[in-house]
Amino acid sequence: MSIRKIGLILVLLAVGVLAFKTLPRSGQVPTDLEKVLNEPALASLKTDYDVLVTGKRPADGLVARLNGWSGTYLTGDARIDAGLQVRDSGLERGVRYTGVEVALTPLGVERHGNKVILHAKDSFTEHREYAPVSPELPTETIGITNHDFMFSADLASASTTLGPYSVEVGGIVYTLILDVSEPQMLKSQDGSTYCCDPDEQHYVSQPPSPPLRDKAPAPHK
């Protein structure tokens, strides 16, 4: 056997090994992946709330969101526009958002083809003030929201540059591409859930989140 043929065989073997080490098979996910994916998912939520507080368009932008309650789909830019509109409307009524605290608890991950879904639940507290001052109005609102964060999964390469909502784990780049809020409310009978590919239409329903509730104002002294 010639040296050239031996070299060709070695190259083919290397390609086969690389193909074997590509994306995990459907249903398989690395250990602790939900913890890793939770970071960019939480970063996206914080960026969303920053728009409400600062009134500035984020340099990193936002990912698209599908709202399970209303069934509406907003692109990242449309989400930013909506947040700015809520802020401006509040200012016109004398309401200013001074800060938002948000935490995100991962509840599991599942894989479908080259997509990975992170199931999670956020808890948030919105702080606001009024002009003129209105002691009888609540200054805080707390709530909980269920999410399905959808990530694409692609092989990393030497030229790979991670985006603001991307992480690399074991040579795979996971990039957040869609935030589905209250996914348990979506109707799947018509096949319209998740808006994109058939492999994105499968998810584990989660219990409905409790309604928003305002903190009672402090009593007058």
Protein backbone atom coordinates (compact mmCIF):
# COMPACT_ATOMS: atom_id res chain seq x y z
CA MET A 1 0.00 0.00 0.00
CA SER A 2 1.42 3.37 -1.01
CA ILE A 3 2.13 6.15 1.49
CA ARG A 4 -0.43 8.30 -0.33
CA LYS A 5 -3.17 5.70 0.19
CA ILE A 6 -2.22 5.29 3.85
CA GLY A 7 -2.45 9.05 4.29
CA LEU A 8 -5.86 9.14 2.63
CA ILE A 9 -7.13 6.38 4.92
CA LEU A 10 -5.88 8.26 7.98
CA VAL A 11 -7.67 11.40 6.81
CA LEU A 12 -10.92 9.51 6.30
CA LEU A 13 -10.59 7.93 9.76
CA ALA A 14 -10.03 11.35 11.28
CA VAL A 15 -13.15 12.69 9.53
CA GLY A 16 -15.14 9.73 10.83
CA VAL A 17 -13.97 10.34 14.39
CA LEU A 18 -14.84 14.02 14.08
CA ALA A 19 -18.32 13.18 12.81
CA PHE A 20 -18.78 10.80 15.73
CA LYS A 21 -17.82 13.58 18.13
CA THR A 22 -20.19 16.15 16.67
CA LEU A 23 -23.49 17.09 18.21
CA PRO A 24 -24.89 14.67 20.79
CA ARG A 25 -27.68 12.44 19.62
CA SER A 26 -31.24 13.66 20.11
CA GLY A 27 -32.20 13.63 23.76
CA GLN A 28 -28.62 13.65 25.04
CA VAL A 29 -27.25 16.73 26.78
CA PRO A 30 -24.00 17.32 28.70
CA THR A 31 -24.07 17.16 32.48
CA ASP A 32 -24.83 20.51 34.15
CA LEU A 33 -25.79 22.06 30.80
CA GLU A 34 -28.89 23.63 32.33
CA LYS A 35 -26.68 25.53 34.79
CA VAL A 36 -24.47 26.83 31.97
CA LEU A 37 -27.39 27.83 29.73
CA ASN A 38 -29.04 29.60 32.63
CA GLU A 39 -26.39 32.34 32.49
CA PRO A 40 -27.12 33.73 28.99
CA ALA A 41 -30.85 33.24 29.58
CA LEU A 42 -30.67 35.34 32.75
CA ALA A 43 -28.49 37.92 30.97
CA SER A 44 -31.19 38.32 28.31
CA LEU A 45 -33.85 38.94 30.97
CA LYS A 46 -31.70 41.53 32.73
CA THR A 47 -31.07 43.30 29.43
CA ASP A 48 -34.82 43.35 28.79
CA TYR A 49 -35.53 44.97 32.15
CA ASP A 50 -32.67 47.45 31.73
CA VAL A 51 -34.57 48.93 28.79
CA LEU A 52 -37.50 49.62 31.11
CA VAL A 53 -35.28 51.31 33.68
CA THR A 54 -32.72 53.20 31.57
CA GLY A 55 -34.70 53.94 28.42
CA LYS A 56 -31.67 52.99 26.32
CA ARG A 57 -31.46 50.53 23.45
CA PRO A 58 -29.07 47.74 24.50
CA ALA A 59 -25.95 47.29 22.41
CA ASP A 60 -26.34 43.50 22.59
CA GLY A 61 -29.97 43.62 21.47
CA LEU A 62 -32.57 41.06 22.52
CA VAL A 63 -33.72 37.70 21.16
CA ALA A 64 -37.21 37.11 19.85
CA ARG A 65 -40.00 36.22 22.29
CA LEU A 66 -43.16 34.18 21.86
CA ASN A 67 -45.74 35.07 24.51
CA GLY A 68 -47.76 32.04 25.59
CA TRP A 69 -50.52 34.12 27.16
CA SER A 70 -51.28 36.21 24.08
CA GLY A 71 -49.77 34.03 21.37
CA THR A 72 -47.90 37.06 20.02
CA TYR A 73 -44.40 36.85 18.57
CA LEU A 74 -41.98 39.78 18.83
CA THR A 75 -38.57 40.09 17.27
CA GLY A 76 -35.72 41.34 19.44
CA ASP A 77 -36.04 44.88 18.05
CA ALA A 78 -39.81 44.81 18.57
CA ARG A 79 -39.28 43.79 22.21
CA ILE A 80 -36.99 46.76 22.73
CA ASP A 81 -39.53 49.09 21.13
CA ALA A 82 -42.27 47.66 23.37
CA GLY A 83 -40.15 48.16 26.50
CA LEU A 84 -39.40 51.76 25.56
CA GLN A 85 -43.09 52.36 24.92
CA VAL A 86 -44.03 51.00 28.36
CA ARG A 87 -41.40 53.23 29.96
CA ASP A 88 -42.50 56.36 28.07
CA SER A 89 -46.16 55.68 28.84
CA GLY A 90 -45.29 55.35 32.52
CA LEU A 91 -43.35 58.60 32.56
CA GLU A 92 -46.31 60.39 31.01
CA ARG A 93 -48.41 59.17 33.95
CA GLY A 94 -45.74 60.13 36.49
CA VAL A 95 -44.42 56.58 36.98
CA ARG A 96 -40.69 55.88 36.75
CA TYR A 97 -39.12 52.44 37.06
CA THR A 98 -36.09 52.74 39.31
CA GLY A 99 -34.85 49.14 39.17
CA VAL A 100 -35.75 45.53 38.58
CA GLU A 101 -34.34 42.54 40.42
CA VAL A 102 -34.62 39.24 38.58
CA ALA A 103 -33.45 35.69 39.34
CA LEU A 104 -33.77 32.62 37.13
CA THR A 105 -34.10 29.02 38.32
CA PRO A 106 -33.35 26.28 35.77
CA LEU A 107 -35.83 23.40 35.75
CA GLY A 108 -34.27 21.08 33.18
CA VAL A 109 -33.13 20.82 29.57
CA GLU A 110 -34.17 18.72 26.61
CA ARG A 111 -32.68 18.26 23.18
CA HIS A 112 -34.45 18.12 19.81
CA GLY A 113 -32.19 17.82 16.79
CA ASN A 114 -29.81 20.77 16.80
CA LYS A 115 -31.92 22.69 19.31
CA VAL A 116 -31.77 22.61 23.11
CA ILE A 117 -34.58 23.92 25.30
CA LEU A 118 -33.92 25.22 28.79
CA HIS A 119 -37.00 25.14 31.01
CA ALA A 120 -36.73 27.81 33.70
CA LYS A 121 -38.75 30.05 35.99
CA ASP A 122 -37.90 33.66 36.78
CA SER A 123 -38.86 35.66 39.83
CA PHE A 124 -38.70 39.44 39.64
CA THR A 125 -39.34 42.57 41.67
CA GLU A 126 -40.05 45.86 39.91
CA HIS A 127 -39.33 49.08 41.81
CA ARG A 128 -40.96 52.36 40.83
CA GLU A 129 -41.58 55.85 42.10
CA TYR A 130 -44.26 58.44 41.39
CA ALA A 131 -44.30 62.13 40.59
CA PRO A 132 -46.00 63.63 42.41
CA VAL A 133 -45.33 61.30 45.32
CA SER A 134 -48.31 59.02 46.01
CA PRO A 135 -47.81 57.12 49.30
CA GLU A 136 -51.01 55.14 48.76
CA LEU A 137 -49.68 53.52 45.57
CA PRO A 138 -47.44 50.42 45.72
CA THR A 139 -43.80 51.01 44.82
CA GLU A 140 -42.98 47.35 44.18
CA THR A 141 -44.50 44.59 42.07
CA ILE A 142 -43.32 41.00 42.34
CA GLY A 143 -44.08 38.14 39.98
CA ILE A 144 -43.03 34.82 38.50
CA THR A 145 -42.82 33.80 34.83
CA ASN A 146 -42.26 30.40 33.24
CA HIS A 147 -39.89 30.25 30.27
CA ASP A 148 -38.69 27.90 27.58
CA PHE A 149 -35.39 29.30 26.33
CA MET A 150 -34.47 27.82 22.96
CA PHE A 151 -30.82 27.51 21.99
CA SER A 152 -29.24 26.49 18.71
CA ALA A 153 -26.37 24.01 19.05
CA ASP A 154 -23.50 24.23 16.55
CA LEU A 155 -19.96 22.93 16.38
CA ALA A 156 -17.34 25.46 17.45
CA SER A 157 -14.47 26.27 15.11
CA ALA A 158 -11.28 28.28 15.23
CA SER A 159 -13.15 31.27 13.83
CA THR A 160 -16.09 31.02 16.25
CA THR A 161 -16.89 34.25 18.09
CA LEU A 162 -19.32 33.96 20.97
CA GLY A 163 -22.25 36.37 20.95
CA PRO A 164 -23.75 38.06 24.03
CA TYR A 165 -26.17 35.18 24.60
CA SER A 166 -23.88 32.30 23.64
CA VAL A 167 -21.78 29.80 25.59
CA GLU A 168 -19.41 27.06 24.50
CA VAL A 169 -19.51 23.66 26.18
CA GLY A 170 -17.47 20.68 25.01
CA GLY A 171 -16.80 22.15 21.59
CA ILE A 172 -20.47 23.02 21.01
CA VAL A 173 -21.70 26.61 20.85
CA TYR A 174 -25.15 27.12 22.33
CA THR A 175 -26.81 30.37 21.22
CA LEU A 176 -30.08 31.68 22.62
CA ILE A 177 -32.48 32.27 19.71
CA LEU A 178 -35.95 32.39 21.26
CA ASP A 179 -37.58 33.06 24.64
CA VAL A 180 -41.02 31.47 25.04
CA SER A 181 -42.85 32.92 28.04
CA GLU A 182 -45.58 30.84 29.71
CA PRO A 183 -45.17 27.97 27.19
CA GLN A 184 -47.83 25.89 28.96
CA MET A 185 -50.45 28.32 27.61
CA LEU A 186 -49.64 27.69 23.95
CA LYS A 187 -52.09 25.72 21.83
CA SER A 188 -50.30 22.99 19.90
CA GLN A 189 -53.29 21.50 18.06
CA ASP A 190 -52.71 23.70 15.02
CA GLY A 191 -48.96 23.06 14.97
CA SER A 192 -48.19 26.74 15.33
CA THR A 193 -46.17 26.58 18.54
CA TYR A 194 -42.65 27.96 18.52
CA CYS A 195 -43.07 29.49 15.04
CA CYS A 196 -40.22 27.71 13.31
CA ASP A 197 -39.29 24.05 12.75
CA PRO A 198 -41.23 20.91 13.74
CA ASP A 199 -38.46 19.87 16.14
CA GLU A 200 -39.07 23.10 18.06
CA GLN A 201 -42.68 22.27 18.78
CA HIS A 202 -42.01 19.79 21.59
CA TYR A 203 -41.68 21.01 25.13
CA VAL A 204 -42.62 20.00 28.65
CA SER A 205 -45.57 22.03 29.90
CA GLN A 206 -45.06 23.76 33.20
CA PRO A 207 -47.64 24.86 35.77
CA PRO A 208 -49.10 28.35 35.22
CA SER A 209 -47.33 31.08 37.10
CA PRO A 210 -49.19 32.88 39.89
CA PRO A 211 -50.60 36.32 39.08
CA LEU A 212 -48.64 39.47 39.72
CA ARG A 213 -49.17 41.03 43.11
CA ASP A 214 -48.20 44.42 44.46
CA LYS A 215 -46.51 44.90 47.76
CA ALA A 216 -48.73 46.76 50.16
CA PRO A 217 -47.50 50.30 50.85
CA ALA A 218 -46.04 51.03 54.22
CA PRO A 219 -48.60 52.40 56.68
CA HIS A 220 -48.52 56.11 57.44
CA LYS A 221 -46.88 57.05 60.68
